[in-house]
Amino acid sequence: MKNDTIHILVIEDEEFDVRRIKNTLQPSGERFNIVDIVDEGVTALELVQKQPDTYDIIIMDFQIGGGLRGETLIKQIKEINSTIQIIVITKMTINQTDYDFANSLMEAGAFWYGTKYPGDIEEYIYQPTDFILSIQNAYQRRQLELERNKTQSKLDRQVHEILEKKQIIGDSPPMQEMVRQVEKIGKTHANVLIYGESGTGKELVATNLHYKSPRKYENFVTVNCGSIPGELIESELFGYEQGAFTGARQSKAGLFETADGGTIFLDEIAELPLKAQTKLLRVLQNGEIDKIGRNKSYTVDVRVIAATNRRLESLLEERQFREDLFYRLNVLQMDVPALRERGRDIATLAHYFMQLFSEDMGVPPLELSDEVIRVLCAYDWPGNVRELQNAMQRLLLIYDSAPTPGDVEAVIGLQHRTNEASGYRSVFTAQEIRPLREIEVEFRADYVGYVREQCDTDAEAARLLGLAPPNYHRMCKDLGFK
């Protein structure tokens, strides 16, 4: 930056003053390059509009000929390119402590101003040292602003790419309303509670809320409350200090600390233990974190978005969820509609996932006929969007050509359910009868695998199957899922 040439536009209607500017800059050699000299504001503005990146610095007289001058000209130049730095020289005052005049220039966008007095200094600008230093400082400021804009543009591109990958697909009335809510709620800092069945896309909604919010350049931290063992949830969320307990060899930042300034998404909030709920309530009330092994609390600024497929109101009655925490989380509420409620979105999503997975796998997408779409739309999709997504991926893996309605029924399990409904007499002949233990193991593996596909976490699957987590994990290991 030290040896860069500084490109200058001079706006001055007195040849005498133009000469003084040139003489003042001349000793610095090629460091300063006066690109253009104009004598009125309209011409200057046209030059800046045509070549907004040509000039680093504009040196302008405050009072010049023509109708465009002073603060008005400064503001219009800054609107074209805010990084151009403007230095004002004027005969209006010799008093450099004229606060009102200086403040009006700064508010308009000027970087510095100096006086032309006294008039008997014919060869140079008055205060030549300050004048030269102001140009150099203004140039450094422009370089910093250009770098900041470059960084900002990069961040904006990253946010745009994330939203492209995480876009909410669907134009059915429920989804149109959902998109409107996301746009409106995303602009706030308020906590949000999201309800929705498993597989409806609650995390997708939370992601969009964050990246459409004022916090979009900060961290978005996702926590699945049902997947962290109860004895570890506190240390994971709030962190701990070195030596806080056996095995704590070094301090660890909690997820709330990581999310400071941004958003934390607490998925499956209904699975959060009561002890952790108490600490979470303190964060929401005071923004204070109690780190394990630390005597003094510290503050964080985090927006909390929570999600669950269970109605927390019913858990309040069972005393499984704190009522005061519920009201802190439920500032704004959103309900993500089930796929069966979204009508024509089923076809849209099917085509979208087919195209997406075909690109990922490097194979042509399969054609989905009208008959196939009718089968998909007639199905109630208990696993919601996740189940439809898995079905499209399985079609691509199994078939090389356009699937038939029967193929689709087989992939989503309709044929299997039909066989079950008709009874085992229609499936097995006397010669094909197999030991009951084999059938039990095969059925259990098929059923557990299906439940796992529909659930976000093992904790949810275990709960739906009515099993304690250790028994669930042991059974999954025996069946080859672990």
Protein backbone atom coordinates (compact mmCIF):
# COMPACT_ATOMS: atom_id res chain seq x y z
CA MET A 1 0.00 0.00 0.00
CA LYS A 2 2.95 2.28 0.72
CA ASN A 3 4.07 2.54 -2.90
CA ASP A 4 0.64 2.54 -4.55
CA THR A 5 -0.20 5.41 -6.86
CA ILE A 6 -3.16 7.45 -5.60
CA HIS A 7 -5.51 8.46 -8.43
CA ILE A 8 -7.13 11.85 -7.92
CA LEU A 9 -10.02 13.82 -9.41
CA VAL A 10 -9.84 17.58 -8.81
CA ILE A 11 -13.05 19.66 -8.82
CA GLU A 12 -11.96 23.31 -8.83
CA ASP A 13 -13.07 26.35 -10.87
CA GLU A 14 -10.10 28.62 -10.07
CA GLU A 15 -6.93 28.04 -12.11
CA PHE A 16 -4.98 29.71 -9.29
CA ASP A 17 -6.14 27.07 -6.81
CA VAL A 18 -5.58 24.19 -9.26
CA ARG A 19 -1.97 25.35 -9.57
CA ARG A 20 -1.59 25.46 -5.78
CA ILE A 21 -2.91 21.86 -5.50
CA LYS A 22 -0.50 20.66 -8.19
CA ASN A 23 2.46 22.44 -6.59
CA THR A 24 1.64 20.97 -3.18
CA LEU A 25 1.47 17.41 -4.58
CA GLN A 26 4.40 17.71 -7.00
CA PRO A 27 7.23 17.01 -4.47
CA SER A 28 5.76 13.54 -3.85
CA GLY A 29 6.49 12.58 -7.45
CA GLU A 30 4.46 9.71 -8.93
CA ARG A 31 2.80 8.91 -5.61
CA PHE A 32 -0.07 11.26 -6.54
CA ASN A 33 -1.63 11.11 -10.00
CA ILE A 34 -4.18 13.79 -10.92
CA VAL A 35 -6.26 11.89 -13.48
CA ASP A 36 -8.84 14.58 -14.28
CA ILE A 37 -9.59 18.23 -13.47
CA VAL A 38 -13.13 19.65 -13.85
CA ASP A 39 -14.59 23.01 -12.90
CA GLU A 40 -18.18 22.14 -11.95
CA GLY A 41 -20.17 19.44 -10.15
CA VAL A 42 -22.35 17.98 -12.92
CA THR A 43 -19.33 17.12 -15.09
CA ALA A 44 -17.57 15.60 -12.08
CA LEU A 45 -20.58 13.45 -11.27
CA GLU A 46 -20.78 12.21 -14.89
CA LEU A 47 -17.10 11.18 -14.77
CA VAL A 48 -17.61 9.27 -11.53
CA GLN A 49 -20.69 7.51 -12.95
CA LYS A 50 -18.82 6.45 -16.10
CA GLN A 51 -15.72 5.22 -14.29
CA PRO A 52 -16.57 4.74 -10.59
CA ASP A 53 -13.42 2.70 -9.84
CA THR A 54 -10.94 5.10 -11.48
CA TYR A 55 -10.60 7.61 -8.65
CA ASP A 56 -9.32 6.93 -5.14
CA ILE A 57 -9.55 10.50 -3.87
CA ILE A 58 -11.58 13.54 -4.90
CA ILE A 59 -10.23 16.98 -3.96
CA MET A 60 -13.05 19.49 -4.34
CA ASP A 61 -13.72 23.14 -3.71
CA PHE A 62 -16.77 23.58 -1.51
CA GLN A 63 -18.07 26.52 -3.58
CA ILE A 64 -17.86 25.99 -7.34
CA GLY A 65 -19.79 27.11 -10.38
CA GLY A 66 -22.97 25.38 -11.48
CA GLY A 67 -25.94 24.18 -9.51
CA LEU A 68 -24.37 21.04 -7.99
CA ARG A 69 -22.00 21.79 -5.12
CA GLY A 70 -21.25 21.36 -1.42
CA GLU A 71 -22.88 18.63 0.64
CA THR A 72 -25.26 17.71 -2.19
CA LEU A 73 -22.38 16.88 -4.54
CA ILE A 74 -20.56 14.94 -1.81
CA LYS A 75 -23.64 12.80 -1.08
CA GLN A 76 -24.28 12.00 -4.76
CA ILE A 77 -20.65 10.95 -5.29
CA LYS A 78 -20.79 8.66 -2.24
CA GLU A 79 -24.03 7.11 -3.51
CA ILE A 80 -22.22 6.06 -6.70
CA ASN A 81 -19.15 4.69 -4.92
CA SER A 82 -19.01 4.91 -1.13
CA THR A 83 -15.28 3.98 -1.03
CA ILE A 84 -14.15 7.12 -2.87
CA GLN A 85 -12.75 9.50 -0.24
CA ILE A 86 -13.50 13.21 -0.53
CA ILE A 87 -11.28 16.05 0.71
CA VAL A 88 -12.81 19.51 0.74
CA ILE A 89 -10.89 22.79 0.49
CA THR A 90 -12.81 26.01 1.05
CA LYS A 91 -12.55 29.79 1.44
CA MET A 92 -15.60 29.80 3.71
CA THR A 93 -13.68 29.59 6.96
CA ILE A 94 -10.22 29.79 8.40
CA ASN A 95 -11.52 28.51 11.73
CA GLN A 96 -10.73 24.78 11.78
CA THR A 97 -12.80 24.42 14.97
CA ASP A 98 -16.07 25.41 13.26
CA TYR A 99 -17.95 22.36 14.55
CA ASP A 100 -21.25 22.84 12.69
CA PHE A 101 -19.54 23.25 9.32
CA ALA A 102 -17.22 20.28 9.92
CA ASN A 103 -20.09 18.11 11.15
CA SER A 104 -22.22 18.85 8.08
CA LEU A 105 -19.33 17.82 5.80
CA MET A 106 -18.65 14.62 7.71
CA GLU A 107 -22.32 13.66 7.71
CA ALA A 108 -22.42 14.21 3.95
CA GLY A 109 -19.47 11.83 3.56
CA ALA A 110 -16.31 13.99 3.42
CA PHE A 111 -13.10 12.59 4.91
CA TRP A 112 -11.30 15.88 5.72
CA TYR A 113 -11.50 19.59 5.01
CA GLY A 114 -9.02 22.45 5.02
CA THR A 115 -9.07 26.16 4.35
CA LYS A 116 -7.60 28.03 1.37
CA TYR A 117 -6.61 31.01 3.55
CA PRO A 118 -4.46 32.98 3.83
CA GLY A 119 -4.66 34.12 0.23
CA ASP A 120 -1.14 35.53 0.11
CA ILE A 121 0.35 32.03 0.01
CA GLU A 122 0.37 31.83 -3.76
CA GLU A 123 2.27 28.66 -4.51
CA TYR A 124 0.90 26.03 -2.14
CA ILE A 125 -2.22 24.94 -0.31
CA TYR A 126 -2.40 26.32 3.22
CA GLN A 127 -1.47 23.59 5.74
CA PRO A 128 0.43 21.54 3.12
CA THR A 129 1.57 18.89 5.59
CA ASP A 130 -1.97 18.25 6.87
CA PHE A 131 -3.20 18.26 3.27
CA ILE A 132 -0.72 15.56 2.16
CA LEU A 133 -1.30 13.44 5.27
CA SER A 134 -5.06 13.65 4.80
CA ILE A 135 -4.75 12.30 1.25
CA GLN A 136 -2.58 9.41 2.42
CA ASN A 137 -4.90 8.60 5.33
CA ALA A 138 -7.94 8.85 3.07
CA TYR A 139 -6.34 6.39 0.63
CA GLN A 140 -5.66 3.92 3.44
CA ARG A 141 -9.26 4.21 4.54
CA ARG A 142 -10.43 3.51 0.98
CA GLN A 143 -8.26 0.38 0.82
CA LEU A 144 -9.72 -0.84 4.12
CA GLU A 145 -13.25 -0.21 2.89
CA LEU A 146 -12.54 -2.04 -0.39
CA GLU A 147 -11.20 -5.00 1.59
CA ARG A 148 -14.22 -4.92 3.89
CA ASN A 149 -16.57 -4.82 0.89
CA LYS A 150 -14.70 -7.74 -0.64
CA THR A 151 -15.08 -9.72 2.56
CA GLN A 152 -18.74 -8.71 2.79
CA SER A 153 -19.36 -9.84 -0.80
CA LYS A 154 -17.71 -13.17 -0.03
CA LEU A 155 -19.90 -13.64 3.05
CA ASP A 156 -23.00 -12.69 1.05
CA ARG A 157 -22.10 -15.28 -1.60
CA GLN A 158 -21.61 -17.93 1.07
CA VAL A 159 -24.99 -17.15 2.64
CA HIS A 160 -26.63 -17.21 -0.82
CA GLU A 161 -25.05 -20.60 -1.60
CA ILE A 162 -26.25 -22.03 1.73
CA LEU A 163 -29.80 -20.82 1.09
CA GLU A 164 -29.67 -22.26 -2.44
CA LYS A 165 -28.79 -25.66 -1.00
CA LYS A 166 -31.27 -25.31 1.86
CA GLN A 167 -34.18 -23.83 -0.05
CA ILE A 168 -37.72 -24.61 1.04
CA ILE A 169 -39.35 -26.47 -1.86
CA GLY A 170 -43.10 -26.26 -2.51
CA ASP A 171 -45.78 -23.90 -3.72
CA SER A 172 -48.82 -25.40 -1.99
CA PRO A 173 -50.82 -22.97 0.20
CA PRO A 174 -49.37 -24.36 3.48
CA MET A 175 -45.82 -23.94 2.19
CA GLN A 176 -46.46 -20.49 0.78
CA GLU A 177 -47.63 -19.48 4.24
CA MET A 178 -44.55 -21.15 5.75
CA VAL A 179 -42.22 -19.17 3.46
CA ARG A 180 -44.00 -15.93 4.40
CA GLN A 181 -43.52 -16.74 8.08
CA VAL A 182 -39.83 -17.52 7.57
CA GLU A 183 -39.26 -14.20 5.79
CA LYS A 184 -41.09 -12.27 8.52
CA ILE A 185 -39.82 -14.12 11.60
CA GLY A 186 -36.29 -14.42 10.21
CA LYS A 187 -35.81 -10.64 10.46
CA THR A 188 -36.31 -10.70 14.23
CA HIS A 189 -34.08 -11.76 17.12
CA ALA A 190 -36.95 -13.50 18.94
CA ASN A 191 -36.78 -17.13 20.08
CA VAL A 192 -38.81 -19.56 17.98
CA LEU A 193 -40.46 -22.89 18.78
CA ILE A 194 -41.02 -25.12 15.74
CA TYR A 195 -43.53 -27.98 15.81
CA GLY A 196 -43.69 -30.69 13.17
CA GLU A 197 -43.74 -34.44 12.63
CA SER A 198 -40.47 -36.30 12.11
CA GLY A 199 -39.10 -35.78 8.63
CA THR A 200 -41.06 -32.61 7.81
CA GLY A 201 -37.96 -30.40 7.64
CA LYS A 202 -37.82 -28.55 10.95
CA GLU A 203 -34.04 -28.12 10.73
CA LEU A 204 -34.44 -26.78 7.19
CA VAL A 205 -36.85 -24.12 8.49
CA ALA A 206 -34.46 -23.24 11.34
CA THR A 207 -31.56 -22.89 8.89
CA ASN A 208 -33.57 -20.49 6.73
CA LEU A 209 -34.60 -18.48 9.79
CA HIS A 210 -30.94 -18.01 10.74
CA TYR A 211 -29.59 -17.15 7.29
CA LYS A 212 -32.38 -14.64 6.67
CA SER A 213 -31.75 -12.92 9.99
CA PRO A 214 -29.42 -10.09 11.09
CA ARG A 215 -27.25 -12.87 12.60
CA LYS A 216 -26.64 -14.57 9.24
CA TYR A 217 -22.87 -13.91 9.26
CA GLU A 218 -22.44 -15.50 12.70
CA ASN A 219 -22.42 -19.18 13.70
CA PHE A 220 -25.44 -21.45 13.30
CA VAL A 221 -24.99 -24.30 15.79
CA THR A 222 -27.22 -27.38 15.64
CA VAL A 223 -27.76 -29.58 18.69
CA ASN A 224 -29.80 -32.77 18.76
CA CYS A 225 -30.89 -32.95 22.39
CA GLY A 226 -32.00 -36.56 22.01
CA SER A 227 -28.66 -37.85 20.75
CA ILE A 228 -26.48 -36.59 23.63
CA PRO A 229 -26.41 -38.79 26.75
CA GLY A 230 -28.09 -37.11 29.73
CA GLU A 231 -24.91 -37.03 31.80
CA LEU A 232 -23.05 -35.14 29.03
CA ILE A 233 -25.69 -32.68 27.88
CA GLU A 234 -24.71 -29.99 30.42
CA SER A 235 -21.01 -30.02 29.52
CA GLU A 236 -21.81 -30.08 25.80
CA LEU A 237 -24.16 -27.11 25.97
CA PHE A 238 -22.31 -24.95 28.49
CA GLY A 239 -18.71 -26.23 28.48
CA TYR A 240 -16.30 -26.79 31.36
CA GLU A 241 -13.01 -25.57 32.80
CA GLN A 242 -9.81 -27.55 33.04
CA GLY A 243 -9.85 -29.76 36.13
CA ALA A 244 -13.61 -29.37 36.66
CA PHE A 245 -13.90 -33.17 36.90
CA THR A 246 -11.82 -36.27 36.36
CA GLY A 247 -10.69 -36.38 32.75
CA ALA A 248 -11.14 -32.62 32.11
CA ARG A 249 -7.51 -32.10 31.02
CA GLN A 250 -8.29 -28.84 29.26
CA SER A 251 -11.10 -26.31 29.11
CA LYS A 252 -13.85 -26.80 26.55
CA ALA A 253 -16.15 -24.19 25.03
CA GLY A 254 -19.82 -25.13 25.20
CA LEU A 255 -22.12 -24.99 22.19
CA PHE A 256 -23.78 -21.82 23.50
CA GLU A 257 -20.36 -20.17 23.70
CA THR A 258 -19.65 -21.28 20.11
CA ALA A 259 -22.97 -19.79 19.01
CA ASP A 260 -22.35 -16.42 20.71
CA GLY A 261 -23.62 -13.68 18.41
CA GLY A 262 -25.45 -16.21 16.25
CA THR A 263 -28.16 -18.85 16.55
CA ILE A 264 -28.39 -22.21 18.30
CA PHE A 265 -30.90 -24.78 17.07
CA LEU A 266 -32.07 -27.17 19.79
CA ASP A 267 -33.68 -30.07 17.96
CA GLU A 268 -35.78 -32.55 19.97
CA ILE A 269 -36.03 -30.05 22.82
CA ALA A 270 -38.56 -32.34 24.54
CA GLU A 271 -35.73 -34.80 25.25
CA LEU A 272 -33.73 -32.23 27.27
CA PRO A 273 -33.29 -33.40 30.90
CA LEU A 274 -34.89 -31.25 33.61
CA LYS A 275 -31.52 -30.26 35.11
CA ALA A 276 -30.33 -28.94 31.74
CA GLN A 277 -33.69 -27.20 31.28
CA THR A 278 -33.00 -25.18 34.44
CA LYS A 279 -29.64 -23.97 33.11
CA LEU A 280 -31.13 -23.24 29.70
CA LEU A 281 -33.78 -21.09 31.38
CA ARG A 282 -31.02 -19.00 32.97
CA VAL A 283 -29.45 -18.42 29.57
CA LEU A 284 -32.77 -17.29 28.11
CA GLN A 285 -33.56 -15.03 31.09
CA ASN A 286 -30.21 -13.34 31.64
CA GLY A 287 -27.96 -14.45 28.79
CA GLU A 288 -25.66 -15.99 31.45
CA ILE A 289 -23.79 -19.28 31.14
CA ASP A 290 -22.72 -21.31 34.17
CA LYS A 291 -19.68 -23.20 32.96
CA ILE A 292 -18.81 -26.34 34.91
CA GLY A 293 -15.85 -25.64 37.20
CA ARG A 294 -16.08 -21.86 36.86
CA ASN A 295 -17.22 -19.74 39.79
CA LYS A 296 -18.18 -16.70 37.74
CA SER A 297 -20.82 -16.81 35.02
CA TYR A 298 -20.32 -15.13 31.66
CA THR A 299 -22.77 -13.68 29.19
CA VAL A 300 -23.64 -14.70 25.64
CA ASP A 301 -25.92 -13.25 22.98
CA VAL A 302 -27.63 -16.20 21.31
CA ARG A 303 -30.93 -16.58 19.51
CA VAL A 304 -32.57 -19.91 20.37
CA ILE A 305 -34.64 -21.86 17.87
CA ALA A 306 -36.09 -25.06 19.32
CA ALA A 307 -37.97 -27.86 17.57
CA THR A 308 -39.93 -30.94 18.58
CA ASN A 309 -42.41 -33.46 17.20
CA ARG A 310 -44.14 -33.66 20.59
CA ARG A 311 -46.54 -31.05 21.91
CA LEU A 312 -44.80 -29.46 24.86
CA GLU A 313 -48.15 -28.45 26.35
CA SER A 314 -48.87 -32.11 27.17
CA LEU A 315 -45.41 -32.50 28.73
CA LEU A 316 -46.14 -29.54 31.00
CA GLU A 317 -49.08 -31.42 32.49
CA GLU A 318 -46.86 -34.46 33.06
CA ARG A 319 -44.18 -32.23 34.66
CA GLN A 320 -41.61 -33.42 32.12
CA PHE A 321 -40.98 -29.91 30.83
CA ARG A 322 -40.60 -26.65 32.73
CA GLU A 323 -43.48 -24.25 32.19
CA ASP A 324 -41.29 -21.12 32.53
CA LEU A 325 -38.84 -22.51 29.95
CA PHE A 326 -41.72 -23.26 27.58
CA TYR A 327 -42.87 -19.64 27.63
CA ARG A 328 -39.31 -18.41 27.08
CA LEU A 329 -38.94 -20.64 24.02
CA ASN A 330 -42.44 -20.11 22.67
CA VAL A 331 -42.08 -16.40 21.87
CA LEU A 332 -42.90 -17.15 18.24
CA GLN A 333 -44.34 -20.47 17.11
CA MET A 334 -44.25 -22.19 13.74
CA ASP A 335 -45.92 -25.42 12.61
CA VAL A 336 -44.29 -27.28 9.73
CA PRO A 337 -47.03 -29.06 7.74
CA ALA A 338 -46.88 -32.80 7.14
CA LEU A 339 -46.22 -33.90 3.55
CA ARG A 340 -49.71 -35.42 3.23
CA GLU A 341 -51.12 -31.91 3.79
CA ARG A 342 -49.08 -30.37 0.97
CA GLY A 343 -50.89 -31.78 -2.08
CA ARG A 344 -49.04 -30.91 -5.30
CA ASP A 345 -45.73 -30.46 -3.45
CA ILE A 346 -45.27 -34.26 -3.48
CA ALA A 347 -44.72 -34.27 -7.25
CA THR A 348 -42.50 -31.17 -7.08
CA LEU A 349 -40.33 -32.71 -4.35
CA ALA A 350 -40.14 -36.07 -6.13
CA HIS A 351 -38.75 -34.44 -9.29
CA TYR A 352 -36.43 -32.23 -7.23
CA PHE A 353 -34.91 -35.14 -5.28
CA MET A 354 -34.65 -37.26 -8.41
CA GLN A 355 -32.63 -34.52 -10.12
CA LEU A 356 -30.55 -33.84 -7.01
CA PHE A 357 -29.53 -37.46 -6.41
CA SER A 358 -28.91 -38.16 -10.10
CA GLU A 359 -26.40 -35.28 -10.15
CA ASP A 360 -24.74 -36.53 -6.96
CA MET A 361 -24.49 -40.08 -8.31
CA GLY A 362 -23.48 -39.05 -11.83
CA VAL A 363 -26.34 -40.92 -13.51
CA PRO A 364 -29.28 -39.72 -15.65
CA PRO A 365 -32.49 -39.01 -13.69
CA LEU A 366 -35.29 -41.55 -14.02
CA GLU A 367 -38.48 -40.43 -15.71
CA LEU A 368 -41.43 -40.29 -13.33
CA SER A 369 -44.60 -41.00 -15.31
CA ASP A 370 -48.03 -39.59 -14.48
CA GLU A 371 -49.03 -43.02 -13.16
CA VAL A 372 -46.01 -43.06 -10.85
CA ILE A 373 -46.80 -39.55 -9.62
CA ARG A 374 -50.37 -40.66 -8.87
CA VAL A 375 -49.03 -43.50 -6.71
CA LEU A 376 -46.75 -41.09 -4.87
CA CYS A 377 -49.55 -38.58 -4.28
CA ALA A 378 -51.96 -41.27 -3.06
CA TYR A 379 -49.53 -42.44 -0.36
CA ASP A 380 -49.81 -40.76 3.06
CA TRP A 381 -46.02 -40.54 3.73
CA PRO A 382 -45.82 -41.17 7.49
CA GLY A 383 -42.09 -40.40 7.28
CA ASN A 384 -42.83 -37.12 5.46
CA VAL A 385 -40.22 -35.45 3.25
CA ARG A 386 -37.40 -37.62 4.55
CA GLU A 387 -39.25 -40.77 3.49
CA LEU A 388 -39.92 -39.34 0.01
CA GLN A 389 -36.26 -38.36 -0.26
CA ASN A 390 -35.16 -41.88 0.66
CA ALA A 391 -37.63 -43.37 -1.83
CA MET A 392 -36.21 -41.32 -4.74
CA GLN A 393 -32.68 -42.33 -3.79
CA ARG A 394 -33.64 -46.02 -3.66
CA LEU A 395 -35.29 -45.80 -7.09
CA LEU A 396 -32.05 -44.49 -8.58
CA LEU A 397 -30.02 -47.20 -6.88
CA ILE A 398 -32.30 -50.08 -7.90
CA TYR A 399 -33.57 -49.20 -11.38
CA ASP A 400 -31.81 -48.20 -14.60
CA SER A 401 -34.93 -47.18 -16.51
CA ALA A 402 -38.21 -45.42 -15.78
CA PRO A 403 -39.89 -47.14 -12.81
CA THR A 404 -43.42 -48.53 -13.07
CA PRO A 405 -46.14 -47.84 -10.50
CA GLY A 406 -45.48 -51.34 -9.14
CA ASP A 407 -41.78 -50.54 -8.74
CA VAL A 408 -42.64 -47.44 -6.75
CA GLU A 409 -45.10 -49.37 -4.57
CA ALA A 410 -42.37 -51.89 -3.82
CA VAL A 411 -39.85 -49.18 -2.96
CA ILE A 412 -42.16 -47.36 -0.53
CA GLY A 413 -43.38 -50.66 0.97
CA LEU A 414 -46.99 -50.67 -0.23
CA GLN A 415 -46.73 -54.19 -1.64
CA HIS A 416 -45.20 -55.47 1.59
CA ARG A 417 -48.03 -53.99 3.61
CA THR A 418 -50.60 -55.47 1.23
CA ASN A 419 -49.07 -58.92 1.70
CA GLU A 420 -49.17 -58.50 5.46
CA ALA A 421 -52.79 -57.45 5.31
CA SER A 422 -53.78 -60.51 3.28
CA GLY A 423 -52.29 -62.83 5.90
CA TYR A 424 -49.42 -65.28 5.83
CA ARG A 425 -51.55 -68.00 4.19
CA SER A 426 -51.28 -66.13 0.88
CA VAL A 427 -47.50 -65.78 1.24
CA PHE A 428 -46.29 -69.24 2.32
CA THR A 429 -47.14 -72.69 0.98
CA ALA A 430 -46.76 -75.87 3.03
CA GLN A 431 -43.41 -76.54 1.37
CA GLU A 432 -42.10 -73.04 2.23
CA ILE A 433 -42.91 -72.95 5.93
CA ARG A 434 -39.90 -71.69 7.94
CA PRO A 435 -39.13 -71.79 11.66
CA LEU A 436 -40.96 -69.16 13.68
CA ARG A 437 -37.69 -67.81 15.13
CA GLU A 438 -36.36 -67.03 11.62
CA ILE A 439 -39.54 -65.18 10.69
CA GLU A 440 -39.46 -63.20 13.95
CA VAL A 441 -35.85 -62.11 13.41
CA GLU A 442 -36.52 -61.20 9.76
CA PHE A 443 -39.67 -59.26 10.60
CA ARG A 444 -37.98 -57.47 13.51
CA ALA A 445 -35.05 -56.39 11.32
CA ASP A 446 -37.40 -55.14 8.60
CA TYR A 447 -39.61 -53.26 11.05
CA VAL A 448 -36.79 -51.73 13.10
CA GLY A 449 -35.05 -50.65 9.89
CA TYR A 450 -38.24 -48.95 8.74
CA VAL A 451 -38.68 -47.13 12.07
CA ARG A 452 -35.04 -45.97 12.00
CA GLU A 453 -35.57 -44.46 8.55
CA GLN A 454 -38.47 -42.36 9.80
CA CYS A 455 -36.72 -41.00 12.89
CA ASP A 456 -34.20 -38.20 13.30
CA THR A 457 -32.35 -39.90 16.16
CA ASP A 458 -31.86 -43.20 17.96
CA ALA A 459 -33.54 -41.71 21.03
CA GLU A 460 -36.72 -41.06 19.06
CA ALA A 461 -36.65 -44.53 17.47
CA ALA A 462 -36.17 -46.18 20.86
CA ARG A 463 -39.07 -44.23 22.31
CA LEU A 464 -41.42 -45.15 19.45
CA LEU A 465 -40.46 -48.82 19.77
CA GLY A 466 -41.05 -48.70 23.53
CA LEU A 467 -37.46 -49.70 24.37
CA ALA A 468 -34.95 -48.34 26.83
CA PRO A 469 -31.97 -46.82 24.94
CA PRO A 470 -29.47 -49.51 26.09
CA ASN A 471 -31.84 -52.31 24.95
CA TYR A 472 -32.47 -50.50 21.67
CA HIS A 473 -28.73 -50.15 20.97
CA ARG A 474 -28.13 -53.81 21.86
CA MET A 475 -30.90 -54.96 19.53
CA CYS A 476 -29.62 -52.77 16.66
CA LYS A 477 -26.17 -54.27 17.11
CA ASP A 478 -27.59 -57.80 17.00
CA LEU A 479 -29.53 -56.95 13.83
CA GLY A 480 -26.45 -55.49 12.12
CA PHE A 481 -27.49 -51.81 12.22
CA LYS A 482 -24.60 -50.74 14.47
